[in-house]
Protein backbone atom coordinates (compact mmCIF):
# COMPACT_ATOMS: atom_id res chain seq x y z
CA MET A 1 0.00 0.00 0.00
CA PRO A 2 1.74 3.22 -1.14
CA LEU A 3 1.49 6.02 1.44
CA ILE A 4 2.42 9.51 0.24
CA GLU A 5 2.51 12.56 2.51
CA ILE A 6 2.90 15.99 0.92
CA HIS A 7 4.04 18.99 2.99
CA LEU A 8 2.83 22.41 1.81
CA LEU A 9 2.70 25.95 3.06
CA GLU A 10 -0.88 27.06 3.73
CA GLY A 11 -2.66 29.05 1.07
CA ARG A 12 -3.65 26.67 -1.72
CA THR A 13 -7.29 26.42 -2.72
CA ASP A 14 -9.28 23.21 -2.27
CA GLU A 15 -9.33 22.86 -6.06
CA GLN A 16 -5.52 23.07 -6.24
CA LYS A 17 -5.11 20.51 -3.47
CA LYS A 18 -7.62 18.15 -5.08
CA ALA A 19 -5.78 18.44 -8.42
CA LEU A 20 -2.43 17.73 -6.74
CA LEU A 21 -3.74 14.71 -4.85
CA GLY A 22 -5.31 13.31 -8.03
CA ALA A 23 -2.13 13.83 -10.06
CA VAL A 24 0.04 12.15 -7.42
CA THR A 25 -2.39 9.24 -7.17
CA ARG A 26 -2.27 8.74 -10.95
CA ALA A 27 1.54 9.00 -10.97
CA VAL A 28 1.86 6.34 -8.28
CA GLN A 29 -0.62 4.10 -10.07
CA ASP A 30 1.18 4.50 -13.41
CA SER A 31 4.75 4.18 -12.11
CA LEU A 32 4.25 1.38 -9.59
CA GLY A 33 1.29 -0.39 -11.08
CA ALA A 34 -0.43 -0.15 -7.70
CA PRO A 35 -4.19 -0.59 -7.66
CA VAL A 36 -5.81 2.80 -7.06
CA GLU A 37 -7.75 1.33 -4.12
CA THR A 38 -4.48 0.82 -2.24
CA ILE A 39 -3.01 4.30 -2.74
CA ARG A 40 -3.18 6.82 0.11
CA VAL A 41 -2.14 10.45 -0.42
CA TRP A 42 -2.57 13.31 2.03
CA ILE A 43 -1.45 16.89 2.55
CA GLN A 44 0.12 18.22 5.73
CA GLU A 45 -0.11 22.02 5.74
CA PHE A 46 1.90 24.41 7.87
CA SER A 47 2.08 28.17 8.19
CA ARG A 48 4.86 30.43 6.93
CA ARG A 49 5.76 31.07 10.59
CA GLU A 50 6.85 27.42 10.81
CA TYR A 51 9.17 27.43 7.82
CA MET A 52 12.76 28.38 7.15
CA ALA A 53 14.75 27.83 3.96
CA ALA A 54 18.43 28.60 3.47
CA GLY A 55 18.50 30.29 6.87
CA ARG A 56 15.68 32.67 5.94
CA TRP A 57 12.52 32.65 8.05
CA TYR A 58 9.38 32.96 5.96
CA GLY A 59 7.17 34.13 8.84
CA GLU A 60 7.88 37.73 7.97
CA GLU A 61 7.35 37.33 4.21
CA LYS A 62 4.16 38.39 2.47
CA LYS A 63 2.03 35.65 0.92
């Protein structure tokens, strides 16, 4: 059973998230040959205040 967790900054629409989850599900099905019924994909969102990249804190950045 493939389990895929995606980490994203908050701010995407429900439509964008649904499209992403569907695309990842299809990619896993196509690349691994896994039955779609066995594929689990979910999104873990976090705020900009909980994110740093290359030593730069994104909590002070505008969306």
